[in-house]
Amino acid sequence: MAPLIERMFRCTWFLATERREAMLREGRHDELDALVAEARAFQESLRGDAAD
């Protein structure tokens, strides 16, 4: 199971990195910043739920 999870993580990382680079090339910095802020807020909410 661990190799499958690792492979999925690597593929996801690769696709996210490629998409990020494309957005930067397209001048969509503000949209990217908003997506990152949303993702970080979601991470924090998950951490809060795990502590409960």
Protein backbone atom coordinates (compact mmCIF):
# COMPACT_ATOMS: atom_id res chain seq x y z
CA MET A 1 0.00 0.00 0.00
CA ALA A 2 2.82 2.44 0.85
CA PRO A 3 4.32 2.35 -2.68
CA LEU A 4 0.91 3.16 -4.16
CA ILE A 5 0.43 6.11 -1.82
CA GLU A 6 3.93 7.37 -2.59
CA ARG A 7 3.31 7.12 -6.33
CA MET A 8 0.00 8.96 -6.05
CA PHE A 9 1.67 11.69 -3.98
CA ARG A 10 4.45 12.12 -6.55
CA CYS A 11 1.98 12.33 -9.44
CA THR A 12 -0.15 14.84 -7.59
CA TRP A 13 2.89 16.93 -6.71
CA PHE A 14 4.06 16.86 -10.33
CA LEU A 15 0.68 17.92 -11.71
CA ALA A 16 0.24 20.65 -9.11
CA THR A 17 3.73 22.00 -9.81
CA GLU A 18 3.12 22.03 -13.55
CA ARG A 19 -0.21 23.81 -13.09
CA ARG A 20 1.36 26.35 -10.75
CA GLU A 21 4.08 27.14 -13.28
CA ALA A 22 1.47 27.54 -16.04
CA MET A 23 -0.57 29.93 -13.91
CA LEU A 24 2.52 32.02 -13.19
CA ARG A 25 3.42 32.13 -16.89
CA GLU A 26 -0.15 33.22 -17.69
CA GLY A 27 0.08 36.07 -15.17
CA ARG A 28 -2.54 34.59 -12.85
CA HIS A 29 -0.60 35.37 -9.68
CA ASP A 30 -3.61 36.67 -7.75
CA GLU A 31 -5.68 33.58 -8.53
CA LEU A 32 -2.80 31.34 -7.49
CA ASP A 33 -2.33 33.26 -4.24
CA ALA A 34 -6.05 32.84 -3.48
CA LEU A 35 -5.87 29.09 -4.12
CA VAL A 36 -2.85 28.75 -1.85
CA ALA A 37 -4.56 30.72 0.91
CA GLU A 38 -7.64 28.51 0.59
CA ALA A 39 -5.55 25.34 0.77
CA ARG A 40 -3.69 26.58 3.85
CA ALA A 41 -6.93 27.49 5.59
CA PHE A 42 -8.30 24.03 4.83
CA GLN A 43 -5.12 22.44 6.22
CA GLU A 44 -5.51 24.42 9.41
CA SER A 45 -9.14 23.34 9.74
CA LEU A 46 -8.07 19.71 9.36
CA ARG A 47 -5.44 20.14 12.04
CA GLY A 48 -8.05 21.64 14.32
CA ASP A 49 -10.42 18.74 13.71
CA ALA A 50 -7.65 16.23 14.44
CA ALA A 51 -6.93 17.88 17.79
CA ASP A 52 -10.56 17.52 18.90
